[in-house]
N, C-alpha and C. Protein backbone atom coordinates (compact mmCIF):
# COMPACT_ATOMS: atom_id res chain seq x y z
N MET A 1 -95.09 -121.23 -211.25
CA MET A 1 -95.47 -120.27 -212.25
C MET A 1 -96.96 -120.03 -212.15
N SER A 2 -97.39 -118.88 -212.61
CA SER A 2 -98.80 -118.53 -212.62
C SER A 2 -99.27 -118.38 -214.05
N VAL A 3 -100.35 -119.06 -214.39
CA VAL A 3 -100.93 -118.99 -215.73
C VAL A 3 -102.23 -118.19 -215.63
N TYR A 4 -102.31 -117.10 -216.36
CA TYR A 4 -103.50 -116.25 -216.38
C TYR A 4 -104.27 -116.55 -217.67
N PHE A 5 -105.56 -116.87 -217.51
CA PHE A 5 -106.39 -117.24 -218.65
C PHE A 5 -107.14 -116.04 -219.20
N LEU A 6 -107.68 -116.20 -220.40
CA LEU A 6 -108.41 -115.13 -221.06
C LEU A 6 -109.65 -114.72 -220.27
N ASP A 7 -110.24 -115.63 -219.51
CA ASP A 7 -111.44 -115.31 -218.73
C ASP A 7 -111.12 -114.72 -217.36
N GLY A 8 -109.83 -114.49 -217.06
CA GLY A 8 -109.43 -113.85 -215.82
C GLY A 8 -109.03 -114.78 -214.70
N LYS A 9 -109.21 -116.07 -214.87
CA LYS A 9 -108.84 -117.04 -213.84
C LYS A 9 -107.33 -117.24 -213.83
N VAL A 10 -106.81 -117.71 -212.68
CA VAL A 10 -105.38 -117.93 -212.50
C VAL A 10 -105.15 -119.35 -212.01
N LEU A 11 -104.12 -120.00 -212.56
CA LEU A 11 -103.73 -121.33 -212.13
C LEU A 11 -102.25 -121.28 -211.77
N ARG A 12 -101.92 -121.69 -210.55
CA ARG A 12 -100.54 -121.66 -210.09
C ARG A 12 -100.04 -123.08 -209.91
N GLY A 13 -98.83 -123.34 -210.42
CA GLY A 13 -98.26 -124.67 -210.29
C GLY A 13 -96.85 -124.73 -210.82
N LYS A 14 -96.34 -125.95 -210.88
CA LYS A 14 -94.97 -126.21 -211.34
C LYS A 14 -95.02 -126.69 -212.78
N LEU A 15 -94.21 -126.11 -213.64
CA LEU A 15 -94.14 -126.51 -215.04
C LEU A 15 -93.50 -127.89 -215.15
N LEU A 16 -94.19 -128.82 -215.81
CA LEU A 16 -93.65 -130.16 -216.04
C LEU A 16 -93.12 -130.29 -217.47
N LYS A 17 -93.96 -129.95 -218.45
CA LYS A 17 -93.59 -130.08 -219.86
C LYS A 17 -94.28 -128.99 -220.66
N ALA A 18 -93.66 -128.60 -221.77
CA ALA A 18 -94.27 -127.64 -222.69
C ALA A 18 -94.23 -128.24 -224.09
N PHE A 19 -95.37 -128.29 -224.72
CA PHE A 19 -95.50 -128.83 -226.07
C PHE A 19 -95.90 -127.71 -227.02
N THR A 20 -96.15 -128.05 -228.26
CA THR A 20 -96.52 -127.05 -229.26
C THR A 20 -97.80 -126.33 -228.90
N TYR A 21 -98.83 -127.06 -228.49
CA TYR A 21 -100.14 -126.46 -228.24
C TYR A 21 -100.62 -126.52 -226.80
N GLU A 22 -99.88 -127.20 -225.94
CA GLU A 22 -100.32 -127.30 -224.55
C GLU A 22 -99.14 -127.26 -223.60
N ILE A 23 -99.47 -127.00 -222.33
CA ILE A 23 -98.50 -126.93 -221.24
C ILE A 23 -99.00 -127.88 -220.16
N MET A 24 -98.10 -128.66 -219.59
CA MET A 24 -98.47 -129.54 -218.48
C MET A 24 -97.94 -128.95 -217.18
N LEU A 25 -98.85 -128.78 -216.22
CA LEU A 25 -98.50 -128.24 -214.91
C LEU A 25 -98.81 -129.25 -213.82
N GLU A 26 -98.09 -129.14 -212.71
CA GLU A 26 -98.41 -129.91 -211.52
C GLU A 26 -98.99 -128.93 -210.51
N VAL A 27 -100.25 -129.13 -210.14
CA VAL A 27 -100.94 -128.23 -209.22
C VAL A 27 -101.41 -129.02 -208.01
N GLU A 28 -101.70 -128.31 -206.94
CA GLU A 28 -102.19 -128.96 -205.72
C GLU A 28 -103.71 -128.85 -205.66
N ARG A 29 -104.38 -130.00 -205.58
CA ARG A 29 -105.83 -130.07 -205.46
C ARG A 29 -106.17 -130.96 -204.27
N ASP A 30 -106.85 -130.43 -203.30
CA ASP A 30 -107.27 -131.20 -202.11
C ASP A 30 -106.08 -131.86 -201.42
N GLY A 31 -104.95 -131.16 -201.36
CA GLY A 31 -103.77 -131.67 -200.68
C GLY A 31 -102.95 -132.66 -201.48
N LYS A 32 -103.35 -132.94 -202.72
CA LYS A 32 -102.61 -133.88 -203.57
C LYS A 32 -102.05 -133.16 -204.79
N GLN A 33 -100.94 -133.64 -205.31
CA GLN A 33 -100.35 -133.09 -206.52
C GLN A 33 -101.01 -133.75 -207.73
N VAL A 34 -101.54 -132.93 -208.65
CA VAL A 34 -102.25 -133.42 -209.81
C VAL A 34 -101.66 -132.78 -211.06
N GLU A 35 -101.54 -133.56 -212.14
CA GLU A 35 -101.07 -133.03 -213.42
C GLU A 35 -102.26 -132.45 -214.19
N VAL A 36 -102.08 -131.25 -214.73
CA VAL A 36 -103.13 -130.56 -215.47
C VAL A 36 -102.58 -130.15 -216.83
N THR A 37 -103.36 -130.38 -217.89
CA THR A 37 -102.98 -129.93 -219.23
C THR A 37 -103.71 -128.63 -219.53
N VAL A 38 -102.95 -127.63 -219.94
CA VAL A 38 -103.51 -126.31 -220.27
C VAL A 38 -103.24 -126.04 -221.75
N PHE A 39 -104.26 -125.71 -222.49
CA PHE A 39 -104.08 -125.38 -223.90
C PHE A 39 -103.62 -123.93 -224.03
N LYS A 40 -102.58 -123.71 -224.82
CA LYS A 40 -101.97 -122.39 -224.95
C LYS A 40 -102.93 -121.35 -225.51
N GLY A 41 -103.93 -121.78 -226.28
CA GLY A 41 -104.90 -120.84 -226.86
C GLY A 41 -105.77 -120.18 -225.81
N ALA A 42 -105.86 -120.77 -224.61
CA ALA A 42 -106.69 -120.23 -223.54
C ALA A 42 -105.88 -119.31 -222.60
N VAL A 43 -104.56 -119.19 -222.84
CA VAL A 43 -103.68 -118.45 -221.94
C VAL A 43 -103.52 -117.01 -222.41
N LYS A 44 -103.69 -116.08 -221.46
CA LYS A 44 -103.46 -114.67 -221.75
C LYS A 44 -101.98 -114.33 -221.55
N TYR A 45 -101.42 -114.70 -220.40
CA TYR A 45 -100.00 -114.53 -220.15
C TYR A 45 -99.57 -115.42 -219.00
N ILE A 46 -98.24 -115.60 -218.89
CA ILE A 46 -97.64 -116.47 -217.87
C ILE A 46 -96.58 -115.68 -217.12
N ILE A 47 -96.59 -115.83 -215.80
CA ILE A 47 -95.57 -115.19 -214.95
C ILE A 47 -94.86 -116.30 -214.19
């Protein structure tokens, strides 16, 4: 999935969990899979 932020940046990854105020994604950083927490208030839209 692709997460588009209010500032125009994009984060692509696999959805792990969705909570009330945040989303947990698994993204690739430097060849490794890393879990990232994204706050829903910073998200413009998700594809």
